[in-house]
Protein backbone atom coordinates (compact mmCIF):
# COMPACT_ATOMS: atom_id res chain seq x y z
CA UNK A 1 155.06 139.24 132.20
CA UNK A 2 156.23 136.43 129.91
CA UNK A 3 153.80 133.77 128.70
CA UNK A 4 154.63 130.07 128.65
CA UNK A 5 152.09 127.23 128.75
CA UNK A 6 153.14 123.79 127.50
CA UNK A 7 150.76 120.81 127.68
CA UNK A 8 152.04 117.81 129.65
CA UNK A 9 151.54 115.44 126.70
CA UNK A 10 153.91 117.42 124.45
CA UNK A 11 157.31 115.84 123.82
CA UNK A 12 159.98 117.90 125.66
CA UNK A 13 162.57 117.40 122.92
CA UNK A 14 160.14 118.65 120.26
CA UNK A 15 159.25 121.70 122.36
CA UNK A 16 162.95 122.46 122.81
CA UNK A 17 163.44 122.17 119.05
CA UNK A 18 160.58 124.62 118.43
CA UNK A 19 162.12 127.06 120.93
CA UNK A 20 165.37 126.88 118.98
CA UNK A 21 163.60 127.37 115.67
CA UNK A 22 161.87 130.49 116.99
CA UNK A 23 165.20 131.88 118.18
CA UNK A 24 166.71 131.20 114.76
CA UNK A 25 163.77 132.96 113.08
CA UNK A 26 164.38 136.05 115.23
CA UNK A 27 168.01 136.22 114.24
CA UNK A 28 167.72 135.30 110.57
CA UNK A 29 164.80 137.64 109.87
CA UNK A 30 165.61 140.55 112.21
CA UNK A 31 162.27 140.34 114.02
CA UNK A 32 160.79 140.25 117.50
CA UNK A 33 158.12 137.68 118.31
CA UNK A 34 155.54 139.02 120.78
CA UNK A 35 153.67 135.70 120.82
CA UNK A 36 154.15 132.13 119.56
CA UNK A 37 151.51 129.48 120.11
CA UNK A 38 150.35 126.01 119.08
CA UNK A 39 147.46 126.19 116.62
CA UNK A 40 146.56 122.67 115.54
CA UNK A 41 144.77 119.70 117.04
CA UNK A 42 146.92 119.84 120.18
CA UNK A 43 145.62 123.32 120.98
CA UNK A 44 142.08 122.43 119.91
CA UNK A 45 142.14 119.67 122.50
CA UNK A 46 141.82 116.60 120.26
CA UNK A 47 145.37 115.45 119.41
CA UNK A 48 146.32 111.99 118.25
CA UNK A 49 149.53 110.38 119.52
CA UNK A 50 151.20 111.24 116.20
CA UNK A 51 149.79 114.75 115.71
CA UNK A 52 152.12 117.32 114.17
CA UNK A 53 153.28 120.40 116.04
CA UNK A 54 151.73 123.47 114.39
CA UNK A 55 153.56 126.46 115.85
CA UNK A 56 152.28 129.86 114.76
CA UNK A 57 153.66 133.24 115.73
CA UNK A 58 153.24 136.96 115.21
CA UNK A 59 156.30 139.03 114.45
CA UNK A 60 157.38 142.67 114.47
CA UNK A 61 160.14 143.92 112.18
CA UNK A 62 162.65 146.65 112.91
CA UNK A 63 161.31 150.20 112.71
CA UNK A 64 163.54 150.94 109.72
CA UNK A 65 161.93 148.04 107.81
CA UNK A 66 158.48 149.62 108.19
CA UNK A 67 159.84 152.96 107.02
CA UNK A 68 161.37 151.55 103.85
CA UNK A 69 159.64 151.86 100.44
CA UNK A 70 160.68 148.25 99.79
CA UNK A 71 158.06 146.46 101.88
CA UNK A 72 159.13 143.10 103.24
CA UNK A 73 156.89 140.04 103.17
CA UNK A 74 154.17 139.89 105.82
CA UNK A 75 154.67 136.15 106.40
CA UNK A 76 157.62 134.06 107.54
CA UNK A 77 157.42 130.46 106.37
CA UNK A 78 159.73 127.60 107.28
CA UNK A 79 159.89 124.24 105.46
CA UNK A 80 157.73 121.40 106.72
CA UNK A 81 160.06 118.93 108.39
CA UNK A 82 158.83 115.80 110.16
CA UNK A 83 156.35 116.84 112.85
CA UNK A 84 157.36 120.51 112.62
CA UNK A 85 155.15 123.15 110.99
CA UNK A 86 156.35 126.61 112.06
CA UNK A 87 155.06 129.78 110.34
CA UNK A 88 154.12 133.32 111.28
CA UNK A 89 152.39 136.57 110.30
CA UNK A 90 153.46 140.18 110.57
CA UNK A 91 151.45 142.10 113.16
CA UNK A 92 149.94 144.35 110.49
CA UNK A 93 148.65 141.37 108.52
CA UNK A 94 147.10 139.89 111.67
CA UNK A 95 145.30 143.13 112.54
CA UNK A 96 143.89 143.58 109.05
CA UNK A 97 142.66 140.00 108.89
CA UNK A 98 141.04 140.27 112.31
CA UNK A 99 139.06 143.32 111.19
CA UNK A 100 138.03 141.45 108.02
CA UNK A 101 136.51 138.60 110.04
CA UNK A 102 139.27 135.99 109.85
CA UNK A 103 138.88 133.91 113.00
CA UNK A 104 142.33 132.33 112.74
CA UNK A 105 144.04 135.18 114.60
CA UNK A 106 141.40 134.96 117.35
CA UNK A 107 142.27 131.30 117.80
CA UNK A 108 145.98 132.10 117.96
CA UNK A 109 145.36 134.71 120.66
CA UNK A 110 143.27 132.30 122.75
CA UNK A 111 145.38 129.17 122.27
CA UNK A 112 145.93 127.33 125.56
CA UNK A 113 149.44 126.33 124.43
CA UNK A 114 151.97 129.16 124.35
CA UNK A 115 155.65 128.75 123.52
CA UNK A 116 156.53 132.34 124.38
CA UNK A 117 154.90 135.72 124.50
CA UNK A 118 154.03 138.96 126.20
CA UNK A 119 150.94 138.89 128.41
CA UNK A 120 150.26 142.59 127.86
CA UNK A 121 150.53 142.19 124.07
CA UNK A 122 147.98 139.37 124.07
CA UNK A 123 145.67 141.23 126.44
CA UNK A 124 145.67 144.39 124.33
CA UNK A 125 145.21 142.52 121.03
CA UNK A 126 142.35 140.49 122.49
CA UNK A 127 140.76 143.68 123.78
CA UNK A 128 140.72 144.98 120.22
CA UNK A 129 139.20 141.71 119.03
CA UNK A 130 136.46 141.76 121.66
CA UNK A 131 135.58 145.35 120.74
CA UNK A 132 135.84 145.23 116.98
CA UNK A 133 135.72 141.69 115.59
CA UNK A 134 132.45 141.31 113.69
CA UNK A 135 130.27 138.45 114.95
CA UNK A 136 128.69 138.18 111.53
CA UNK A 137 132.01 137.84 109.76
CA UNK A 138 133.36 135.41 112.35
CA UNK A 139 130.17 133.38 111.99
CA UNK A 140 130.52 133.33 108.21
CA UNK A 141 134.15 132.27 108.60
CA UNK A 142 133.15 129.22 110.64
CA UNK A 143 130.18 128.46 108.39
CA UNK A 144 132.27 128.44 105.21
CA UNK A 145 135.05 126.50 106.93
CA UNK A 146 132.64 123.92 108.29
CA UNK A 147 130.75 123.45 105.02
CA UNK A 148 134.04 123.01 103.17
CA UNK A 149 135.29 120.42 105.67
CA UNK A 150 131.95 118.61 105.64
CA UNK A 151 132.02 118.36 101.84
CA UNK A 152 135.69 117.42 101.68
CA UNK A 153 135.84 114.74 104.36
CA UNK A 154 132.41 113.15 104.61
CA UNK A 155 130.18 114.09 101.76
CA UNK A 156 128.68 110.59 101.61
CA UNK A 157 128.53 110.25 105.47
CA UNK A 158 128.97 106.45 105.32
CA UNK A 159 132.67 105.58 105.04
CA UNK A 160 134.36 108.41 106.91
CA UNK A 161 137.71 108.63 108.68
CA UNK A 162 136.39 109.21 112.17
CA UNK A 163 139.11 111.69 113.14
CA UNK A 164 137.98 113.92 110.25
CA UNK A 165 134.59 114.38 111.89
CA UNK A 166 136.17 116.92 114.24
CA UNK A 167 137.04 119.21 111.32
CA UNK A 168 133.36 120.00 110.70
CA UNK A 169 132.20 119.44 114.28
CA UNK A 170 134.40 122.19 115.71
CA UNK A 171 133.06 124.94 113.35
CA UNK A 172 129.50 123.76 114.05
CA UNK A 173 130.09 124.05 117.79
CA UNK A 174 131.61 127.53 117.33
CA UNK A 175 128.52 128.62 115.40
CA UNK A 176 126.21 127.37 118.15
CA UNK A 177 128.33 129.21 120.74
CA UNK A 178 128.06 132.45 118.75
CA UNK A 179 124.31 132.12 118.22
CA UNK A 180 123.80 131.78 121.96
CA UNK A 181 125.90 134.85 122.77
CA UNK A 182 124.70 137.79 120.66
CA UNK A 183 127.16 140.23 122.26
CA UNK A 184 130.33 138.13 121.85
CA UNK A 185 132.53 137.33 118.87
CA UNK A 186 135.43 135.23 120.20
CA UNK A 187 134.52 131.56 120.80
CA UNK A 188 136.86 129.37 122.85
CA UNK A 189 139.53 127.73 120.70
CA UNK A 190 139.77 124.70 123.00
CA UNK A 191 137.18 122.23 121.71
CA UNK A 192 136.29 120.48 125.02
CA UNK A 193 135.67 123.91 126.55
CA UNK A 194 133.58 124.90 123.54
CA UNK A 195 131.44 121.77 123.82
CA UNK A 196 130.99 122.29 127.56
CA UNK A 197 129.65 125.82 126.95
CA UNK A 198 127.11 125.12 124.21
CA UNK A 199 124.78 122.55 125.85
CA UNK A 200 124.68 120.24 122.80
CA UNK A 201 121.59 118.16 121.94
CA UNK A 202 121.03 114.83 123.66
CA UNK A 203 123.49 112.15 122.65
CA UNK A 204 126.04 114.50 121.07
CA UNK A 205 128.10 115.05 124.22
CA UNK A 206 128.46 111.32 124.89
CA UNK A 207 129.59 110.56 121.34
CA UNK A 208 132.04 113.48 121.38
CA UNK A 209 133.54 112.34 124.70
CA UNK A 210 134.02 108.84 123.29
CA UNK A 211 135.65 110.13 120.10
CA UNK A 212 137.96 112.40 122.09
CA UNK A 213 139.03 109.55 124.36
CA UNK A 214 139.73 107.20 121.46
CA UNK A 215 141.52 109.84 119.38
CA UNK A 216 143.86 110.65 122.26
CA UNK A 217 144.98 107.04 122.56
CA UNK A 218 144.98 105.83 118.94
CA UNK A 219 146.85 106.84 115.80
CA UNK A 220 143.91 105.75 113.66
CA UNK A 221 140.21 105.69 114.56
CA UNK A 222 139.27 103.82 111.40
CA UNK A 223 136.40 104.40 109.01
CA UNK A 224 132.68 104.27 109.77
CA UNK A 225 129.45 106.13 109.17
CA UNK A 226 129.17 109.49 110.89
CA UNK A 227 126.99 108.96 113.99
CA UNK A 228 123.52 110.26 113.22
CA UNK A 229 123.32 112.65 116.25
CA UNK A 230 126.64 114.22 115.21
CA UNK A 231 125.61 114.53 111.56
CA UNK A 232 122.26 116.09 112.50
CA UNK A 233 123.97 118.51 114.86
CA UNK A 234 126.49 119.65 112.24
CA UNK A 235 123.95 120.05 109.43
CA UNK A 236 121.44 121.82 111.66
CA UNK A 237 124.01 124.32 112.91
CA UNK A 238 125.12 125.09 109.38
CA UNK A 239 121.51 125.59 108.29
CA UNK A 240 120.76 127.92 111.20
CA UNK A 241 123.96 129.87 110.60
CA UNK A 242 122.96 130.66 107.02
CA UNK A 243 120.25 132.97 108.31
CA UNK A 244 121.85 133.95 111.64
CA UNK A 245 125.00 135.54 110.24
CA UNK A 246 125.70 138.04 107.51
CA UNK A 247 122.95 140.54 108.22
CA UNK A 248 124.91 142.74 110.60
CA UNK A 249 128.13 144.73 110.49
CA UNK A 250 130.42 143.66 107.68
CA UNK A 251 132.86 146.57 107.50
CA UNK A 252 134.87 147.62 110.56
CA UNK A 253 134.01 151.13 111.83
CA UNK A 254 136.52 153.95 111.42
CA UNK A 255 137.37 153.85 115.12
CA UNK A 256 138.40 150.21 114.78
CA UNK A 257 140.97 151.15 112.16
CA UNK A 258 142.20 154.06 114.27
CA UNK A 259 142.56 151.95 117.42
CA UNK A 260 144.22 149.11 115.49
CA UNK A 261 146.70 151.57 114.01
CA UNK A 262 147.48 152.99 117.44
CA UNK A 263 148.08 149.47 118.78
CA UNK A 264 150.28 148.70 115.78
CA UNK A 265 152.39 151.83 116.22
CA UNK A 266 152.80 151.33 119.96
CA UNK A 267 153.70 147.67 119.51
CA UNK A 268 156.24 148.35 116.78
CA UNK A 269 157.93 151.02 118.91
CA UNK A 270 157.95 148.67 121.88
CA UNK A 271 159.15 145.49 120.19
CA UNK A 272 161.23 146.83 117.32
CA UNK A 273 164.01 147.56 119.80
CA UNK A 274 164.05 143.84 120.55
CA UNK A 275 164.34 142.88 116.89
CA UNK A 276 167.82 141.84 115.92
CA UNK A 277 170.01 144.65 114.56
């Protein structure tokens, strides 16, 4: 079954252009694309009217390319052009990063915006992630991401571009979600869904709803102090995460590597036939 899920607020001409770019990538690079999604603020659920389109995809090369001693690059990058940002990873790269605790691939696999893809491919990859992604490593990923964004965008907390608050708020919410679910490792990518599932402290939900509403309708939210409930929430979640994550499994078990390799082989054999000759 083919996947396709385009948000109603996405410009049809831009989506058509992205479809054409993906088709060109297939032909020019001799690859199949088992999934292509939107990864930026549009998929996170807090776009501005002028947000870029951040298309990300996974690709599979021809079987003969994987059998060659001259290994091809595991990324395909296209030039930034206007609102278009279209780049992808080889399936092998994505699998290795998932097992190393990189949450980016988990977000790609759970993006609510899909340009094209195979439902069975996404289901099987997500099954691997649910079984083998390390909660501790995913938690550390969001902790380091959030601390970096906090330091970069509002270190002084007083004169802050309000739209930048989301860049630290989203990792903080993901950390709270993970702490409340000790058996799960894949938080929702969609930020409104994430907030709805974490039961934030009093006052946080109301401020978040207001920021989301204003960001959706304005190109610029202006500068102001970070609201105290939001700042306390972010800093508290980062503090709690420092002791909550990192004490468990760090290295993927041998079975994870074996199952990932099986998935890789099966996927290459399935999709390599669809790569351009």
